[in-house]
Amino acid sequence: MPLLKMDGPAVFKLAVGVLEENSFEPVRPDSERVRLRSCPFHPLADGARDLVCGMNHALVTGIVDGLRTPAIEAVLDPEGGECCIELRPRDVP
């Protein structure tokens, strides 16, 4: 399948829609990033944070990969009280 020819804002909008539908509660702290406020697996994270955060990262990376665009990437970036994943523009050479 070919890569989508979408600019950054269009890709972020599409990704945010998918994440909203899956209870991640995405928010945009600035125009460059999307943070996930809610972890759908939060009850499990208390006992196995590394496992759950790794699973979330793989899941959101799969969503981004499914968009077939090089414009964004999912980054593991834990911050207190929020999901550990952030979407950022990908540095494409």
C-alpha atoms as a PDB file:
ATOM      1  CA  MET A   1       0.000   0.000   0.000  1.00  0.00           C
ATOM      2  CA  PRO A   2       1.309   3.474  -0.776  1.00  0.00           C
ATOM      3  CA  LEU A   3       2.025   6.006   1.939  1.00  0.00           C
ATOM      4  CA  LEU A   4      -0.645   8.628   2.520  1.00  0.00           C
ATOM      5  CA  LYS A   5       0.240  12.067   1.234  1.00  0.00           C
ATOM      6  CA  MET A   6      -1.113  14.005   4.215  1.00  0.00           C
ATOM      7  CA  ASP A   7       0.380  16.977   5.960  1.00  0.00           C
ATOM      8  CA  GLY A   8       1.093  16.953   9.694  1.00  0.00           C
ATOM      9  CA  PRO A   9      -2.164  18.616  10.830  1.00  0.00           C
ATOM     10  CA  ALA A  10      -4.339  16.240   8.783  1.00  0.00           C
ATOM     11  CA  VAL A  11      -2.479  13.185  10.084  1.00  0.00           C
ATOM     12  CA  PHE A  12      -2.733  14.371  13.694  1.00  0.00           C
ATOM     13  CA  LYS A  13      -6.476  14.947  13.254  1.00  0.00           C
ATOM     14  CA  LEU A  14      -6.972  11.437  11.885  1.00  0.00           C
ATOM     15  CA  ALA A  15      -4.835   9.863  14.636  1.00  0.00           C
ATOM     16  CA  VAL A  16      -6.648  11.835  17.344  1.00  0.00           C
ATOM     17  CA  GLY A  17      -9.988  10.554  16.057  1.00  0.00           C
ATOM     18  CA  VAL A  18      -8.843   6.928  16.240  1.00  0.00           C
ATOM     19  CA  LEU A  19      -7.418   7.426  19.736  1.00  0.00           C
ATOM     20  CA  GLU A  20     -10.587   9.168  20.967  1.00  0.00           C
ATOM     21  CA  GLU A  21     -12.664   6.220  19.767  1.00  0.00           C
ATOM     22  CA  ASN A  22     -10.443   3.919  21.854  1.00  0.00           C
ATOM     23  CA  SER A  23     -10.666   5.816  25.187  1.00  0.00           C
ATOM     24  CA  PHE A  24      -7.165   7.341  25.198  1.00  0.00           C
ATOM     25  CA  GLU A  25      -8.478  10.926  25.652  1.00  0.00           C
ATOM     26  CA  PRO A  26      -5.907  12.659  23.426  1.00  0.00           C
ATOM     27  CA  VAL A  27      -5.093  16.321  24.091  1.00  0.00           C
ATOM     28  CA  ARG A  28      -2.827  18.754  22.296  1.00  0.00           C
ATOM     29  CA  PRO A  29      -0.522  20.547  24.756  1.00  0.00           C
ATOM     30  CA  ASP A  30       0.845  22.472  21.753  1.00  0.00           C
ATOM     31  CA  SER A  31       0.634  22.394  17.964  1.00  0.00           C
ATOM     32  CA  GLU A  32       3.423  19.823  17.662  1.00  0.00           C
ATOM     33  CA  ARG A  33       2.312  17.077  20.066  1.00  0.00           C
ATOM     34  CA  VAL A  34      -0.621  14.936  21.123  1.00  0.00           C
ATOM     35  CA  ARG A  35      -0.536  13.485  24.644  1.00  0.00           C
ATOM     36  CA  LEU A  36      -2.816  10.726  25.798  1.00  0.00           C
ATOM     37  CA  ARG A  37      -4.515  11.591  29.083  1.00  0.00           C
ATOM     38  CA  SER A  38      -6.089   8.230  29.725  1.00  0.00           C
ATOM     39  CA  CYS A  39      -4.700   4.731  29.632  1.00  0.00           C
ATOM     40  CA  PRO A  40      -7.447   2.189  28.891  1.00  0.00           C
ATOM     41  CA  PHE A  41      -5.320  -0.327  30.792  1.00  0.00           C
ATOM     42  CA  HIS A  42      -4.681   1.881  33.838  1.00  0.00           C
ATOM     43  CA  PRO A  43      -5.921  -0.686  36.406  1.00  0.00           C
ATOM     44  CA  LEU A  44      -3.245  -3.098  35.171  1.00  0.00           C
ATOM     45  CA  ALA A  45      -0.488  -0.470  35.087  1.00  0.00           C
ATOM     46  CA  ASP A  46      -0.198  -0.290  38.881  1.00  0.00           C
ATOM     47  CA  GLY A  47       1.100  -3.865  38.989  1.00  0.00           C
ATOM     48  CA  ALA A  48       3.045  -4.033  35.731  1.00  0.00           C
ATOM     49  CA  ARG A  49       3.805  -0.523  34.499  1.00  0.00           C
ATOM     50  CA  ASP A  50       6.645  -1.461  32.127  1.00  0.00           C
ATOM     51  CA  LEU A  51       4.565  -4.191  30.519  1.00  0.00           C
ATOM     52  CA  VAL A  52       1.455  -2.009  30.126  1.00  0.00           C
ATOM     53  CA  CYS A  53       3.377   1.020  28.843  1.00  0.00           C
ATOM     54  CA  GLY A  54       5.230  -1.188  26.362  1.00  0.00           C
ATOM     55  CA  MET A  55       1.921  -2.696  25.243  1.00  0.00           C
ATOM     56  CA  ASN A  56       0.370   0.778  24.852  1.00  0.00           C
ATOM     57  CA  HIS A  57       3.378   1.958  22.874  1.00  0.00           C
ATOM     58  CA  ALA A  58       3.101  -1.044  20.544  1.00  0.00           C
ATOM     59  CA  LEU A  59      -0.659  -0.500  20.139  1.00  0.00           C
ATOM     60  CA  VAL A  60      -0.390   3.215  19.330  1.00  0.00           C
ATOM     61  CA  THR A  61       2.607   2.565  17.053  1.00  0.00           C
ATOM     62  CA  GLY A  62       0.404   0.068  15.198  1.00  0.00           C
ATOM     63  CA  ILE A  63      -2.316   2.692  14.824  1.00  0.00           C
ATOM     64  CA  VAL A  64       0.236   5.183  13.463  1.00  0.00           C
ATOM     65  CA  ASP A  65       1.708   2.551  11.136  1.00  0.00           C
ATOM     66  CA  GLY A  66      -1.808   1.797   9.904  1.00  0.00           C
ATOM     67  CA  LEU A  67      -2.157   5.433   8.838  1.00  0.00           C
ATOM     68  CA  ARG A  68       0.676   4.739   6.375  1.00  0.00           C
ATOM     69  CA  THR A  69       2.337   8.105   6.772  1.00  0.00           C
ATOM     70  CA  PRO A  70       5.852   9.087   7.792  1.00  0.00           C
ATOM     71  CA  ALA A  71       4.626  12.371   9.340  1.00  0.00           C
ATOM     72  CA  ILE A  72       4.173  11.237  12.961  1.00  0.00           C
ATOM     73  CA  GLU A  73       5.507   8.718  15.440  1.00  0.00           C
ATOM     74  CA  ALA A  74       4.425   7.334  18.805  1.00  0.00           C
ATOM     75  CA  VAL A  75       6.998   7.989  21.533  1.00  0.00           C
ATOM     76  CA  LEU A  76       7.189   6.415  24.984  1.00  0.00           C
ATOM     77  CA  ASP A  77       7.210   9.488  27.256  1.00  0.00           C
ATOM     78  CA  PRO A  78       5.755   8.834  30.727  1.00  0.00           C
ATOM     79  CA  GLU A  79       4.483  11.827  32.708  1.00  0.00           C
ATOM     80  CA  GLY A  80       2.715  11.713  36.035  1.00  0.00           C
ATOM     81  CA  GLY A  81      -0.949  10.796  35.951  1.00  0.00           C
ATOM     82  CA  GLU A  82      -1.250  10.405  32.184  1.00  0.00           C
ATOM     83  CA  CYS A  83      -0.747   7.713  29.604  1.00  0.00           C
ATOM     84  CA  CYS A  84       2.887   7.141  28.718  1.00  0.00           C
ATOM     85  CA  ILE A  85       2.503   7.752  24.967  1.00  0.00           C
ATOM     86  CA  GLU A  86       2.894  10.946  22.985  1.00  0.00           C
ATOM     87  CA  LEU A  87       2.512  11.529  19.255  1.00  0.00           C
ATOM     88  CA  ARG A  88       5.105  13.810  17.692  1.00  0.00           C
ATOM     89  CA  PRO A  89       6.193  14.837  14.233  1.00  0.00           C
ATOM     90  CA  ARG A  90       8.706  12.329  12.891  1.00  0.00           C
ATOM     91  CA  ASP A  91      12.059  13.681  11.810  1.00  0.00           C
ATOM     92  CA  VAL A  92      12.159  12.430   8.234  1.00  0.00           C
ATOM     93  CA  PRO A  93      15.531  12.847   6.513  1.00  0.00           C
END
